[in-house]
Amino acid sequence: MSEQRQRQRQGARKHLAAGIGGLVVGTALVLFLRNRMRSRRKPATPAALPGAGPGEQEAEA
């Protein structure tokens, strides 16, 4: 005798939950990568560098 089992069908609710979860995770990933790329593109301003403040230049001269 061959054993035949019924396949359990996935409900529509579970498919919707998985789709929404994937959408949320994908959006979070895009926002994370976008912010990371923006922070890499910012050039260093002279005021942000050590020893480049206006008061320090006068003291060295």
C-alpha atoms as a PDB file:
ATOM      1  CA  MET A   1       0.000   0.000   0.000  1.00  0.00           C
ATOM      2  CA  SER A   2       1.363   3.349  -0.950  1.00  0.00           C
ATOM      3  CA  GLU A   3       0.968   6.056   1.597  1.00  0.00           C
ATOM      4  CA  GLN A   4      -0.663   9.181   0.213  1.00  0.00           C
ATOM      5  CA  ARG A   5      -0.626  12.315   2.307  1.00  0.00           C
ATOM      6  CA  GLN A   6      -2.508  15.455   1.553  1.00  0.00           C
ATOM      7  CA  ARG A   7      -0.408  18.516   1.027  1.00  0.00           C
ATOM      8  CA  GLN A   8      -1.207  21.286   3.402  1.00  0.00           C
ATOM      9  CA  ARG A   9      -2.217  24.353   1.452  1.00  0.00           C
ATOM     10  CA  GLN A  10      -0.851  27.705   2.433  1.00  0.00           C
ATOM     11  CA  GLY A  11      -3.525  30.283   3.101  1.00  0.00           C
ATOM     12  CA  ALA A  12      -3.789  33.639   1.370  1.00  0.00           C
ATOM     13  CA  ARG A  13      -3.200  35.368   4.685  1.00  0.00           C
ATOM     14  CA  LYS A  14       0.215  33.768   5.003  1.00  0.00           C
ATOM     15  CA  HIS A  15       1.151  34.780   1.448  1.00  0.00           C
ATOM     16  CA  LEU A  16       0.100  38.368   2.112  1.00  0.00           C
ATOM     17  CA  ALA A  17       2.086  38.477   5.355  1.00  0.00           C
ATOM     18  CA  ALA A  18       5.189  37.136   3.607  1.00  0.00           C
ATOM     19  CA  GLY A  19       4.810  39.654   0.786  1.00  0.00           C
ATOM     20  CA  ILE A  20       4.386  42.586   3.144  1.00  0.00           C
ATOM     21  CA  GLY A  21       7.338  41.426   5.233  1.00  0.00           C
ATOM     22  CA  GLY A  22       9.503  41.235   2.130  1.00  0.00           C
ATOM     23  CA  LEU A  23       8.425  44.721   1.117  1.00  0.00           C
ATOM     24  CA  VAL A  24       9.322  46.144   4.527  1.00  0.00           C
ATOM     25  CA  VAL A  25      12.712  44.429   4.588  1.00  0.00           C
ATOM     26  CA  GLY A  26      13.470  45.534   1.027  1.00  0.00           C
ATOM     27  CA  THR A  27      12.561  49.137   1.794  1.00  0.00           C
ATOM     28  CA  ALA A  28      14.716  49.126   4.920  1.00  0.00           C
ATOM     29  CA  LEU A  29      17.649  47.757   2.938  1.00  0.00           C
ATOM     30  CA  VAL A  30      17.310  50.434   0.244  1.00  0.00           C
ATOM     31  CA  LEU A  31      17.132  53.226   2.837  1.00  0.00           C
ATOM     32  CA  PHE A  32      20.139  51.831   4.713  1.00  0.00           C
ATOM     33  CA  LEU A  33      22.258  51.618   1.570  1.00  0.00           C
ATOM     34  CA  ARG A  34      21.171  55.082   0.396  1.00  0.00           C
ATOM     35  CA  ASN A  35      22.166  56.674   3.710  1.00  0.00           C
ATOM     36  CA  ARG A  36      25.456  54.824   3.668  1.00  0.00           C
ATOM     37  CA  MET A  37      26.275  56.060   0.166  1.00  0.00           C
ATOM     38  CA  ARG A  38      25.362  59.653   1.095  1.00  0.00           C
ATOM     39  CA  SER A  39      27.716  59.620   4.069  1.00  0.00           C
ATOM     40  CA  ARG A  40      30.579  58.387   1.882  1.00  0.00           C
ATOM     41  CA  ARG A  41      30.065  61.136  -0.721  1.00  0.00           C
ATOM     42  CA  LYS A  42      30.326  64.059   1.728  1.00  0.00           C
ATOM     43  CA  PRO A  43      33.712  65.756   1.346  1.00  0.00           C
ATOM     44  CA  ALA A  44      35.613  66.652   4.473  1.00  0.00           C
ATOM     45  CA  THR A  45      35.237  70.343   5.205  1.00  0.00           C
ATOM     46  CA  PRO A  46      38.352  72.252   6.305  1.00  0.00           C
ATOM     47  CA  ALA A  47      36.692  73.156   9.611  1.00  0.00           C
ATOM     48  CA  ALA A  48      36.173  69.466  10.374  1.00  0.00           C
ATOM     49  CA  LEU A  49      39.871  68.658   9.990  1.00  0.00           C
ATOM     50  CA  PRO A  50      42.073  68.867  13.105  1.00  0.00           C
ATOM     51  CA  GLY A  51      44.302  71.924  13.217  1.00  0.00           C
ATOM     52  CA  ALA A  52      42.308  73.823  10.605  1.00  0.00           C
ATOM     53  CA  GLY A  53      40.309  76.044  12.928  1.00  0.00           C
ATOM     54  CA  PRO A  54      40.694  79.832  12.613  1.00  0.00           C
ATOM     55  CA  GLY A  55      42.033  80.195  16.173  1.00  0.00           C
ATOM     56  CA  GLU A  56      44.726  77.588  15.726  1.00  0.00           C
ATOM     57  CA  GLN A  57      46.183  79.167  12.597  1.00  0.00           C
ATOM     58  CA  GLU A  58      46.800  82.449  14.443  1.00  0.00           C
ATOM     59  CA  ALA A  59      48.412  80.669  17.370  1.00  0.00           C
ATOM     60  CA  GLU A  60      50.901  78.850  15.118  1.00  0.00           C
ATOM     61  CA  ALA A  61      52.008  81.975  13.256  1.00  0.00           C
END
